[in-house]
Protein backbone atom coordinates (compact mmCIF):
# COMPACT_ATOMS: atom_id res chain seq x y z
CA UNK A 1 -43.04 -32.79 40.82
CA UNK A 2 -44.16 -36.40 40.51
CA UNK A 3 -44.31 -36.14 36.70
CA UNK A 4 -40.86 -34.54 36.55
CA UNK A 5 -39.48 -37.52 38.45
CA UNK A 6 -41.21 -39.98 36.12
CA UNK A 7 -39.85 -38.40 32.92
CA UNK A 8 -36.43 -40.09 32.94
CA UNK A 9 -38.03 -43.48 33.61
CA UNK A 10 -40.56 -42.90 30.83
CA UNK A 11 -37.81 -42.01 28.36
CA UNK A 12 -35.80 -45.12 29.30
CA UNK A 13 -38.84 -47.35 28.87
CA UNK A 14 -40.12 -45.64 25.71
CA UNK A 15 -36.72 -46.00 24.02
CA UNK A 16 -36.55 -49.60 25.28
CA UNK A 17 -33.43 -49.00 27.34
CA UNK A 18 -31.77 -46.94 24.62
CA UNK A 19 -32.56 -49.04 21.54
CA UNK A 20 -34.59 -46.16 20.11
CA UNK A 21 -31.61 -43.84 20.27
CA UNK A 22 -29.91 -45.82 17.50
CA UNK A 23 -29.05 -43.46 14.62
CA UNK A 24 -29.86 -46.23 12.12
CA UNK A 25 -33.17 -48.12 12.01
CA UNK A 26 -34.29 -47.52 15.61
CA UNK A 27 -37.50 -49.50 15.02
CA UNK A 28 -35.55 -52.54 13.93
CA UNK A 29 -33.09 -52.12 16.80
CA UNK A 30 -36.03 -51.91 19.21
CA UNK A 31 -37.58 -55.00 17.66
CA UNK A 32 -34.35 -56.95 18.06
CA UNK A 33 -33.96 -55.52 21.56
CA UNK A 34 -37.19 -57.32 22.46
CA UNK A 35 -35.66 -60.75 21.97
CA UNK A 36 -34.11 -61.08 25.47
CA UNK A 37 -37.55 -60.43 26.99
CA UNK A 38 -39.13 -62.92 24.59
CA UNK A 39 -36.57 -65.61 25.45
CA UNK A 40 -37.18 -64.95 29.15
CA UNK A 41 -40.94 -65.59 28.88
CA UNK A 42 -41.37 -67.99 25.97
CA UNK A 43 -41.13 -71.12 28.13
CA UNK A 44 -44.53 -70.08 29.49
CA UNK A 45 -46.01 -70.49 26.02
CA UNK A 46 -48.08 -68.18 23.83
CA UNK A 47 -50.31 -66.98 26.67
CA UNK A 48 -47.30 -65.83 28.69
CA UNK A 49 -45.95 -64.01 25.63
CA UNK A 50 -49.32 -62.34 25.02
CA UNK A 51 -49.62 -61.40 28.71
CA UNK A 52 -46.17 -59.82 28.44
CA UNK A 53 -47.27 -57.96 25.31
CA UNK A 54 -50.31 -56.66 27.22
CA UNK A 55 -48.16 -55.50 30.13
CA UNK A 56 -45.68 -53.84 27.75
CA UNK A 57 -48.62 -52.13 26.03
CA UNK A 58 -49.94 -50.68 29.29
CA UNK A 59 -46.48 -49.49 30.33
CA UNK A 60 -45.87 -48.28 26.77
CA UNK A 61 -49.02 -46.16 26.78
CA UNK A 62 -47.80 -44.39 29.91
CA UNK A 63 -44.20 -43.96 28.70
CA UNK A 64 -45.21 -42.90 25.20
CA UNK A 65 -47.67 -40.37 26.60
CA UNK A 66 -44.94 -38.77 28.72
CA UNK A 67 -42.46 -38.67 25.80
CA UNK A 68 -45.02 -37.33 23.31
CA UNK A 69 -46.07 -34.57 25.72
CA UNK A 70 -42.55 -33.59 26.79
CA UNK A 71 -41.04 -33.75 23.29
CA UNK A 72 -43.93 -32.03 21.52
CA UNK A 73 -43.67 -34.61 18.69
CA UNK A 74 -46.66 -36.74 17.61
CA UNK A 75 -44.73 -40.03 17.23
CA UNK A 76 -41.00 -39.62 17.86
CA UNK A 77 -38.94 -42.26 16.07
CA UNK A 78 -36.99 -42.89 19.25
CA UNK A 79 -40.09 -44.38 20.91
CA UNK A 80 -39.73 -48.09 20.24
CA UNK A 81 -41.74 -49.65 23.06
CA UNK A 82 -44.51 -49.93 20.47
CA UNK A 83 -42.27 -52.26 18.45
CA UNK A 84 -41.66 -54.29 21.60
CA UNK A 85 -45.39 -54.82 22.18
CA UNK A 86 -46.11 -55.50 18.50
CA UNK A 87 -43.35 -58.03 17.88
CA UNK A 88 -44.33 -59.90 21.05
CA UNK A 89 -47.80 -60.37 19.53
CA UNK A 90 -46.17 -61.82 16.41
CA UNK A 91 -43.78 -63.99 18.42
CA UNK A 92 -46.69 -65.51 20.35
CA UNK A 93 -47.79 -67.20 17.10
CA UNK A 94 -44.31 -68.32 16.04
CA UNK A 95 -42.85 -71.73 16.70
CA UNK A 96 -40.07 -71.54 19.29
CA UNK A 97 -37.38 -72.19 16.70
CA UNK A 98 -34.72 -69.93 15.23
CA UNK A 99 -36.59 -69.93 11.90
CA UNK A 100 -39.90 -69.17 13.63
CA UNK A 101 -38.46 -66.27 15.60
CA UNK A 102 -36.68 -64.86 12.55
CA UNK A 103 -39.81 -65.08 10.41
CA UNK A 104 -41.91 -63.42 13.13
CA UNK A 105 -39.43 -60.53 13.33
CA UNK A 106 -39.27 -60.11 9.53
CA UNK A 107 -43.05 -60.28 9.09
CA UNK A 108 -43.60 -57.84 11.95
CA UNK A 109 -41.15 -55.32 10.48
CA UNK A 110 -42.73 -55.74 7.02
CA UNK A 111 -46.22 -55.03 8.35
CA UNK A 112 -44.96 -52.26 10.64
CA UNK A 113 -43.26 -50.46 7.76
CA UNK A 114 -46.06 -50.93 5.19
CA UNK A 115 -48.87 -49.98 7.63
CA UNK A 116 -51.62 -51.99 5.95
CA UNK A 117 -55.22 -51.53 7.07
CA UNK A 118 -56.08 -50.65 9.75
CA UNK A 119 -52.57 -49.71 10.95
CA UNK A 120 -52.40 -46.43 8.99
CA UNK A 121 -55.74 -45.40 10.45
CA UNK A 122 -54.58 -46.38 13.96
CA UNK A 123 -51.65 -43.96 13.64
CA UNK A 124 -54.24 -41.19 13.69
CA UNK A 125 -55.43 -42.08 17.17
CA UNK A 126 -54.63 -39.42 19.75
CA UNK A 127 -51.35 -39.34 21.67
CA UNK A 128 -49.87 -42.57 22.94
CA UNK A 129 -52.70 -44.61 21.42
CA UNK A 130 -51.56 -43.58 17.94
CA UNK A 131 -48.00 -44.53 18.84
CA UNK A 132 -48.86 -47.97 20.19
CA UNK A 133 -51.85 -49.35 18.31
CA UNK A 134 -50.44 -49.37 14.77
CA UNK A 135 -47.63 -51.67 15.95
CA UNK A 136 -50.10 -53.97 17.68
CA UNK A 137 -51.95 -54.17 14.36
CA UNK A 138 -48.68 -55.04 12.58
CA UNK A 139 -48.04 -57.71 15.19
CA UNK A 140 -51.53 -59.12 14.68
CA UNK A 141 -51.04 -59.26 10.90
CA UNK A 142 -47.70 -61.05 11.36
CA UNK A 143 -49.28 -63.46 13.85
CA UNK A 144 -52.10 -64.18 11.41
CA UNK A 145 -49.65 -65.04 8.64
CA UNK A 146 -47.63 -67.24 10.99
CA UNK A 147 -50.76 -69.09 12.12
CA UNK A 148 -51.83 -69.68 8.52
CA UNK A 149 -48.37 -70.99 7.62
CA UNK A 150 -48.40 -73.28 10.64
CA UNK A 151 -51.89 -74.58 9.87
CA UNK A 152 -50.77 -75.40 6.33
CA UNK A 153 -47.79 -77.28 7.73
CA UNK A 154 -45.35 -74.91 6.03
CA UNK A 155 -43.85 -73.74 9.29
CA UNK A 156 -43.13 -76.56 11.70
CA UNK A 157 -42.10 -76.42 15.29
CA UNK A 158 -43.88 -76.05 18.55
């Protein structure tokens, strides 16, 4: 009974309040749907953004697990909470400028789509772990690139 009651909440969270239901590019829509949360926490700095990413990851593991089990699909495209967690990791390394945010989003989507090592391998993890971890890897790759660009002085801002 308890699980039946949690299913609607899990679906709402896993689709990031409906972003994942988009018929076109649900991953990108979910990524862009993260921006209000990012803007709400970014004044706390990178640690607040990373703490938010960690919280989203924990909630995402629960929600993704429910959706994967109830849908019978390994990684349904409509689950986009993984994009939310991953892009927050990237955004933690970006300067708080329009250009920084835009570059973080673009780099995250690039790494999420291309699935470079070890993201492709992470997809093979069981259940919700396979859903979530590959996007965290993409976020880490994007964050790494952003940090390198910032250290070289090619991406200003604070």
